[in-house]
Amino acid sequence: MSNITQPTAEQISALIKKHGLSRQEAADLVHVSKFTWNGWVAPADNKMARAMPLAAWELLLIKLGEHAEFGPLP
């Protein structure tokens, strides 16, 4: 079983910055709108802030080759 934990907005933003992705490109990777993505990276005190579902976080990690269990995709 995976030990993936809930990412913070800062962790999400840092990951997409590390890979040189725009918010739209990152949203496209996990099949959500840019509006939804923006909620995931909004500061906690912003009324638009939403927690990123673990399934979306794990999918993003897998697609970017950052998942500890699955590593890079072929």
PDB file of N, CA and C in Angstrom:
ATOM      1  N   MET A   1       0.833  -1.179   0.000  1.00  0.00           N
ATOM      2  CA  MET A   1       0.000   0.000   0.000  1.00  0.00           C
ATOM      3  C   MET A   1       0.877   1.242   0.000  1.00  0.00           C
ATOM      4  N   SER A   2       0.453   2.245  -0.722  1.00  0.00           N
ATOM      5  CA  SER A   2       1.221   3.471  -0.887  1.00  0.00           C
ATOM      6  C   SER A   2       1.234   4.307   0.393  1.00  0.00           C
ATOM      7  N   ASN A   3       2.312   5.005   0.630  1.00  0.00           N
ATOM      8  CA  ASN A   3       2.397   5.889   1.785  1.00  0.00           C
ATOM      9  C   ASN A   3       2.306   7.355   1.350  1.00  0.00           C
ATOM     10  N   ILE A   4       1.518   7.619   0.334  1.00  0.00           N
ATOM     11  CA  ILE A   4       1.317   8.973  -0.175  1.00  0.00           C
ATOM     12  C   ILE A   4       0.535   9.774   0.852  1.00  0.00           C
ATOM     13  N   THR A   5       0.985  10.987   1.133  1.00  0.00           N
ATOM     14  CA  THR A   5       0.292  11.867   2.068  1.00  0.00           C
ATOM     15  C   THR A   5      -0.269  13.080   1.336  1.00  0.00           C
ATOM     16  N   GLN A   6      -1.207  13.740   1.974  1.00  0.00           N
ATOM     17  CA  GLN A   6      -1.863  14.911   1.401  1.00  0.00           C
ATOM     18  C   GLN A   6      -0.823  15.992   1.096  1.00  0.00           C
ATOM     19  N   PRO A   7      -0.735  16.430  -0.153  1.00  0.00           N
ATOM     20  CA  PRO A   7       0.247  17.464  -0.489  1.00  0.00           C
ATOM     21  C   PRO A   7      -0.245  18.849  -0.088  1.00  0.00           C
ATOM     22  N   THR A   8       0.692  19.711   0.222  1.00  0.00           N
ATOM     23  CA  THR A   8       0.351  21.115   0.470  1.00  0.00           C
ATOM     24  C   THR A   8       0.363  21.855  -0.867  1.00  0.00           C
ATOM     25  N   ALA A   9      -0.233  23.025  -0.873  1.00  0.00           N
ATOM     26  CA  ALA A   9      -0.212  23.858  -2.076  1.00  0.00           C
ATOM     27  C   ALA A   9       1.231  24.156  -2.485  1.00  0.00           C
ATOM     28  N   GLU A  10       2.089  24.341  -1.506  1.00  0.00           N
ATOM     29  CA  GLU A  10       3.497  24.643  -1.783  1.00  0.00           C
ATOM     30  C   GLU A  10       4.206  23.451  -2.429  1.00  0.00           C
ATOM     31  N   GLN A  11       3.896  22.247  -1.962  1.00  0.00           N
ATOM     32  CA  GLN A  11       4.506  21.046  -2.551  1.00  0.00           C
ATOM     33  C   GLN A  11       4.050  20.861  -3.998  1.00  0.00           C
ATOM     34  N   ILE A  12       2.781  21.098  -4.243  1.00  0.00           N
ATOM     35  CA  ILE A  12       2.247  20.968  -5.593  1.00  0.00           C
ATOM     36  C   ILE A  12       2.919  21.977  -6.517  1.00  0.00           C
ATOM     37  N   SER A  13       2.976  23.223  -6.082  1.00  0.00           N
ATOM     38  CA  SER A  13       3.592  24.279  -6.896  1.00  0.00           C
ATOM     39  C   SER A  13       5.067  24.005  -7.156  1.00  0.00           C
ATOM     40  N   ALA A  14       5.771  23.547  -6.124  1.00  0.00           N
ATOM     41  CA  ALA A  14       7.202  23.255  -6.273  1.00  0.00           C
ATOM     42  C   ALA A  14       7.427  22.133  -7.290  1.00  0.00           C
ATOM     43  N   LEU A  15       6.565  21.125  -7.284  1.00  0.00           N
ATOM     44  CA  LEU A  15       6.724  20.010  -8.209  1.00  0.00           C
ATOM     45  C   LEU A  15       6.529  20.455  -9.654  1.00  0.00           C
ATOM     46  N   ILE A  16       5.505  21.253  -9.900  1.00  0.00           N
ATOM     47  CA  ILE A  16       5.303  21.664 -11.299  1.00  0.00           C
ATOM     48  C   ILE A  16       6.378  22.648 -11.745  1.00  0.00           C
ATOM     49  N   LYS A  17       6.882  23.456 -10.807  1.00  0.00           N
ATOM     50  CA  LYS A  17       7.980  24.363 -11.148  1.00  0.00           C
ATOM     51  C   LYS A  17       9.240  23.556 -11.483  1.00  0.00           C
ATOM     52  N   LYS A  18       9.506  22.526 -10.692  1.00  0.00           N
ATOM     53  CA  LYS A  18      10.676  21.665 -10.919  1.00  0.00           C
ATOM     54  C   LYS A  18      10.650  21.074 -12.330  1.00  0.00           C
ATOM     55  N   HIS A  19       9.475  20.758 -12.819  1.00  0.00           N
ATOM     56  CA  HIS A  19       9.338  20.131 -14.130  1.00  0.00           C
ATOM     57  C   HIS A  19       9.024  21.143 -15.237  1.00  0.00           C
ATOM     58  N   GLY A  20       9.045  22.422 -14.893  1.00  0.00           N
ATOM     59  CA  GLY A  20       8.865  23.462 -15.905  1.00  0.00           C
ATOM     60  C   GLY A  20       7.479  23.485 -16.539  1.00  0.00           C
ATOM     61  N   LEU A  21       6.468  23.099 -15.767  1.00  0.00           N
ATOM     62  CA  LEU A  21       5.110  23.057 -16.299  1.00  0.00           C
ATOM     63  C   LEU A  21       4.319  24.303 -15.932  1.00  0.00           C
ATOM     64  N   SER A  22       3.441  24.704 -16.819  1.00  0.00           N
ATOM     65  CA  SER A  22       2.484  25.751 -16.486  1.00  0.00           C
ATOM     66  C   SER A  22       1.358  25.108 -15.688  1.00  0.00           C
ATOM     67  N   ARG A  23       0.513  25.935 -15.092  1.00  0.00           N
ATOM     68  CA  ARG A  23      -0.639  25.391 -14.368  1.00  0.00           C
ATOM     69  C   ARG A  23      -1.560  24.638 -15.321  1.00  0.00           C
ATOM     70  N   GLN A  24      -1.742  25.149 -16.524  1.00  0.00           N
ATOM     71  CA  GLN A  24      -2.613  24.479 -17.489  1.00  0.00           C
ATOM     72  C   GLN A  24      -2.046  23.128 -17.894  1.00  0.00           C
ATOM     73  N   GLU A  25      -0.740  23.075 -18.125  1.00  0.00           N
ATOM     74  CA  GLU A  25      -0.107  21.801 -18.491  1.00  0.00           C
ATOM     75  C   GLU A  25      -0.249  20.774 -17.364  1.00  0.00           C
ATOM     76  N   ALA A  26      -0.064  21.236 -16.132  1.00  0.00           N
ATOM     77  CA  ALA A  26      -0.196  20.336 -14.988  1.00  0.00           C
ATOM     78  C   ALA A  26      -1.639  19.859 -14.842  1.00  0.00           C
ATOM     79  N   ALA A  27      -2.591  20.760 -15.006  1.00  0.00           N
ATOM     80  CA  ALA A  27      -4.009  20.395 -14.931  1.00  0.00           C
ATOM     81  C   ALA A  27      -4.349  19.361 -16.001  1.00  0.00           C
ATOM     82  N   ASP A  28      -3.829  19.560 -17.180  1.00  0.00           N
ATOM     83  CA  ASP A  28      -4.078  18.613 -18.272  1.00  0.00           C
ATOM     84  C   ASP A  28      -3.539  17.221 -17.944  1.00  0.00           C
ATOM     85  N   LEU A  29      -2.402  17.148 -17.256  1.00  0.00           N
ATOM     86  CA  LEU A  29      -1.824  15.847 -16.903  1.00  0.00           C
ATOM     87  C   LEU A  29      -2.750  15.011 -16.031  1.00  0.00           C
ATOM     88  N   VAL A  30      -3.514  15.674 -15.159  1.00  0.00           N
ATOM     89  CA  VAL A  30      -4.397  14.931 -14.248  1.00  0.00           C
ATOM     90  C   VAL A  30      -5.871  15.088 -14.620  1.00  0.00           C
ATOM     91  N   HIS A  31      -6.107  15.619 -15.825  1.00  0.00           N
ATOM     92  CA  HIS A  31      -7.454  15.672 -16.405  1.00  0.00           C
ATOM     93  C   HIS A  31      -8.436  16.516 -15.602  1.00  0.00           C
ATOM     94  N   VAL A  32      -7.986  17.708 -15.182  1.00  0.00           N
ATOM     95  CA  VAL A  32      -8.874  18.654 -14.504  1.00  0.00           C
ATOM     96  C   VAL A  32      -8.752  20.018 -15.183  1.00  0.00           C
ATOM     97  N   SER A  33      -9.679  20.897 -14.852  1.00  0.00           N
ATOM     98  CA  SER A  33      -9.636  22.251 -15.402  1.00  0.00           C
ATOM     99  C   SER A  33      -8.568  23.075 -14.689  1.00  0.00           C
ATOM    100  N   LYS A  34      -8.181  24.158 -15.328  1.00  0.00           N
ATOM    101  CA  LYS A  34      -7.228  25.074 -14.695  1.00  0.00           C
ATOM    102  C   LYS A  34      -7.851  25.684 -13.442  1.00  0.00           C
ATOM    103  N   PHE A  35      -9.163  25.899 -13.449  1.00  0.00           N
ATOM    104  CA  PHE A  35      -9.868  26.426 -12.286  1.00  0.00           C
ATOM    105  C   PHE A  35      -9.689  25.487 -11.087  1.00  0.00           C
ATOM    106  N   THR A  36      -9.885  24.201 -11.328  1.00  0.00           N
ATOM    107  CA  THR A  36      -9.698  23.210 -10.260  1.00  0.00           C
ATOM    108  C   THR A  36      -8.254  23.220  -9.780  1.00  0.00           C
ATOM    109  N   TRP A  37      -7.324  23.235 -10.727  1.00  0.00           N
ATOM    110  CA  TRP A  37      -5.899  23.249 -10.362  1.00  0.00           C
ATOM    111  C   TRP A  37      -5.581  24.467  -9.498  1.00  0.00           C
ATOM    112  N   ASN A  38      -6.098  25.625  -9.892  1.00  0.00           N
ATOM    113  CA  ASN A  38      -5.824  26.842  -9.131  1.00  0.00           C
ATOM    114  C   ASN A  38      -6.306  26.733  -7.687  1.00  0.00           C
ATOM    115  N   GLY A  39      -7.402  26.027  -7.460  1.00  0.00           N
ATOM    116  CA  GLY A  39      -7.866  25.808  -6.094  1.00  0.00           C
ATOM    117  C   GLY A  39      -6.889  24.975  -5.286  1.00  0.00           C
ATOM    118  N   TRP A  40      -6.233  24.020  -5.953  1.00  0.00           N
ATOM    119  CA  TRP A  40      -5.283  23.158  -5.261  1.00  0.00           C
ATOM    120  C   TRP A  40      -4.000  23.884  -4.871  1.00  0.00           C
ATOM    121  N   VAL A  41      -3.638  24.928  -5.605  1.00  0.00           N
ATOM    122  CA  VAL A  41      -2.390  25.640  -5.305  1.00  0.00           C
ATOM    123  C   VAL A  41      -2.637  26.989  -4.624  1.00  0.00           C
ATOM    124  N   ALA A  42      -3.888  27.281  -4.316  1.00  0.00           N
ATOM    125  CA  ALA A  42      -4.210  28.529  -3.624  1.00  0.00           C
ATOM    126  C   ALA A  42      -3.756  28.437  -2.166  1.00  0.00           C
ATOM    127  N   PRO A  43      -3.335  29.566  -1.602  1.00  0.00           N
ATOM    128  CA  PRO A  43      -2.952  29.570  -0.183  1.00  0.00           C
ATOM    129  C   PRO A  43      -4.131  29.120   0.686  1.00  0.00           C
ATOM    130  N   ALA A  44      -3.827  28.497   1.816  1.00  0.00           N
ATOM    131  CA  ALA A  44      -4.857  27.945   2.693  1.00  0.00           C
ATOM    132  C   ALA A  44      -5.877  28.983   3.148  1.00  0.00           C
ATOM    133  N   ASP A  45      -5.459  30.247   3.256  1.00  0.00           N
ATOM    134  CA  ASP A  45      -6.391  31.286   3.725  1.00  0.00           C
ATOM    135  C   ASP A  45      -7.253  31.864   2.592  1.00  0.00           C
ATOM    136  N   ASN A  46      -7.080  31.376   1.383  1.00  0.00           N
ATOM    137  CA  ASN A  46      -7.862  31.823   0.231  1.00  0.00           C
ATOM    138  C   ASN A  46      -9.155  31.019   0.183  1.00  0.00           C
ATOM    139  N   LYS A  47     -10.292  31.691  -0.049  1.00  0.00           N
ATOM    140  CA  LYS A  47     -11.574  30.984  -0.062  1.00  0.00           C
ATOM    141  C   LYS A  47     -11.678  29.978  -1.212  1.00  0.00           C
ATOM    142  N   MET A  48     -10.808  30.080  -2.212  1.00  0.00           N
ATOM    143  CA  MET A  48     -10.801  29.148  -3.343  1.00  0.00           C
ATOM    144  C   MET A  48      -9.961  27.894  -3.062  1.00  0.00           C
ATOM    145  N   ALA A  49      -9.221  27.892  -1.956  1.00  0.00           N
ATOM    146  CA  ALA A  49      -8.321  26.779  -1.642  1.00  0.00           C
ATOM    147  C   ALA A  49      -9.093  25.478  -1.445  1.00  0.00           C
ATOM    148  N   ARG A  50      -8.576  24.416  -2.054  1.00  0.00           N
ATOM    149  CA  ARG A  50      -9.147  23.083  -1.946  1.00  0.00           C
ATOM    150  C   ARG A  50      -8.001  22.079  -1.827  1.00  0.00           C
ATOM    151  N   ALA A  51      -8.254  21.013  -1.110  1.00  0.00           N
ATOM    152  CA  ALA A  51      -7.250  19.945  -1.007  1.00  0.00           C
ATOM    153  C   ALA A  51      -7.225  19.155  -2.310  1.00  0.00           C
ATOM    154  N   MET A  52      -6.038  18.841  -2.765  1.00  0.00           N
ATOM    155  CA  MET A  52      -5.896  18.011  -3.960  1.00  0.00           C
ATOM    156  C   MET A  52      -6.208  16.570  -3.570  1.00  0.00           C
ATOM    157  N   PRO A  53      -7.101  15.910  -4.292  1.00  0.00           N
ATOM    158  CA  PRO A  53      -7.367  14.496  -3.983  1.00  0.00           C
ATOM    159  C   PRO A  53      -6.087  13.665  -4.102  1.00  0.00           C
ATOM    160  N   LEU A  54      -5.938  12.715  -3.214  1.00  0.00           N
ATOM    161  CA  LEU A  54      -4.731  11.879  -3.235  1.00  0.00           C
ATOM    162  C   LEU A  54      -4.571  11.151  -4.558  1.00  0.00           C
ATOM    163  N   ALA A  55      -5.678  10.761  -5.178  1.00  0.00           N
ATOM    164  CA  ALA A  55      -5.581  10.066  -6.471  1.00  0.00           C
ATOM    165  C   ALA A  55      -4.961  10.976  -7.524  1.00  0.00           C
ATOM    166  N   ALA A  56      -5.327  12.259  -7.517  1.00  0.00           N
ATOM    167  CA  ALA A  56      -4.756  13.208  -8.481  1.00  0.00           C
ATOM    168  C   ALA A  56      -3.274  13.445  -8.185  1.00  0.00           C
ATOM    169  N   TRP A  57      -2.924  13.565  -6.922  1.00  0.00           N
ATOM    170  CA  TRP A  57      -1.527  13.761  -6.521  1.00  0.00           C
ATOM    171  C   TRP A  57      -0.681  12.557  -6.947  1.00  0.00           C
ATOM    172  N   GLU A  58      -1.203  11.364  -6.677  1.00  0.00           N
ATOM    173  CA  GLU A  58      -0.456  10.170  -7.039  1.00  0.00           C
ATOM    174  C   GLU A  58      -0.312  10.055  -8.559  1.00  0.00           C
ATOM    175  N   LEU A  59      -1.369  10.360  -9.304  1.00  0.00           N
ATOM    176  CA  LEU A  59      -1.294  10.333 -10.764  1.00  0.00           C
ATOM    177  C   LEU A  59      -0.242  11.324 -11.257  1.00  0.00           C
ATOM    178  N   LEU A  60      -0.218  12.523 -10.687  1.00  0.00           N
ATOM    179  CA  LEU A  60       0.775  13.527 -11.084  1.00  0.00           C
ATOM    180  C   LEU A  60       2.189  13.016 -10.801  1.00  0.00           C
ATOM    181  N   LEU A  61       2.389  12.453  -9.626  1.00  0.00           N
ATOM    182  CA  LEU A  61       3.708  11.909  -9.280  1.00  0.00           C
ATOM    183  C   LEU A  61       4.139  10.815 -10.260  1.00  0.00           C
ATOM    184  N   ILE A  62       3.205   9.942 -10.598  1.00  0.00           N
ATOM    185  CA  ILE A  62       3.526   8.860 -11.536  1.00  0.00           C
ATOM    186  C   ILE A  62       3.889   9.429 -12.901  1.00  0.00           C
ATOM    187  N   LYS A  63       3.065  10.343 -13.406  1.00  0.00           N
ATOM    188  CA  LYS A  63       3.307  10.890 -14.738  1.00  0.00           C
ATOM    189  C   LYS A  63       4.609  11.678 -14.824  1.00  0.00           C
ATOM    190  N   LEU A  64       5.023  12.269 -13.706  1.00  0.00           N
ATOM    191  CA  LEU A  64       6.264  13.046 -13.707  1.00  0.00           C
ATOM    192  C   LEU A  64       7.476  12.211 -13.284  1.00  0.00           C
ATOM    193  N   GLY A  65       7.272  10.925 -13.041  1.00  0.00           N
ATOM    194  CA  GLY A  65       8.382  10.055 -12.657  1.00  0.00           C
ATOM    195  C   GLY A  65       8.894  10.304 -11.262  1.00  0.00           C
ATOM    196  N   GLU A  66       8.031  10.810 -10.384  1.00  0.00           N
ATOM    197  CA  GLU A  66       8.432  11.152  -9.022  1.00  0.00           C
ATOM    198  C   GLU A  66       7.851  10.216  -7.968  1.00  0.00           C
ATOM    199  N   HIS A  67       7.074   9.235  -8.391  1.00  0.00           N
ATOM    200  CA  HIS A  67       6.425   8.335  -7.437  1.00  0.00           C
ATOM    201  C   HIS A  67       7.453   7.344  -6.904  1.00  0.00           C
ATOM    202  N   ALA A  68       7.521   7.205  -5.590  1.00  0.00           N
ATOM    203  CA  ALA A  68       8.531   6.347  -4.960  1.00  0.00           C
ATOM    204  C   ALA A  68       8.375   4.872  -5.316  1.00  0.00           C
ATOM    205  N   GLU A  69       7.148   4.416  -5.525  1.00  0.00           N
ATOM    206  CA  GLU A  69       6.915   2.992  -5.819  1.00  0.00           C
ATOM    207  C   GLU A  69       6.961   2.669  -7.302  1.00  0.00           C
ATOM    208  N   PHE A  70       6.505   3.586  -8.129  1.00  0.00           N
ATOM    209  CA  PHE A  70       6.357   3.287  -9.540  1.00  0.00           C
ATOM    210  C   PHE A  70       7.453   3.865 -10.430  1.00  0.00           C
ATOM    211  N   GLY A  71       8.096   4.906  -9.982  1.00  0.00           N
ATOM    212  CA  GLY A  71       9.171   5.499 -10.764  1.00  0.00           C
ATOM    213  C   GLY A  71       8.692   6.044 -12.091  1.00  0.00           C
ATOM    214  N   PRO A  72       9.615   6.339 -12.997  1.00  0.00           N
ATOM    215  CA  PRO A  72       9.266   6.906 -14.297  1.00  0.00           C
ATOM    216  C   PRO A  72       8.475   5.930 -15.168  1.00  0.00           C
ATOM    217  N   LEU A  73       7.578   6.484 -15.954  1.00  0.00           N
ATOM    218  CA  LEU A  73       6.850   5.671 -16.925  1.00  0.00           C
ATOM    219  C   LEU A  73       7.768   5.354 -18.093  1.00  0.00           C
ATOM    220  N   PRO A  74       7.562   4.197 -18.736  1.00  0.00           N
ATOM    221  CA  PRO A  74       8.418   3.844 -19.880  1.00  0.00           C
ATOM    222  C   PRO A  74       8.178   4.768 -21.055  1.00  0.00           C
TER     223      PRO A  74
END
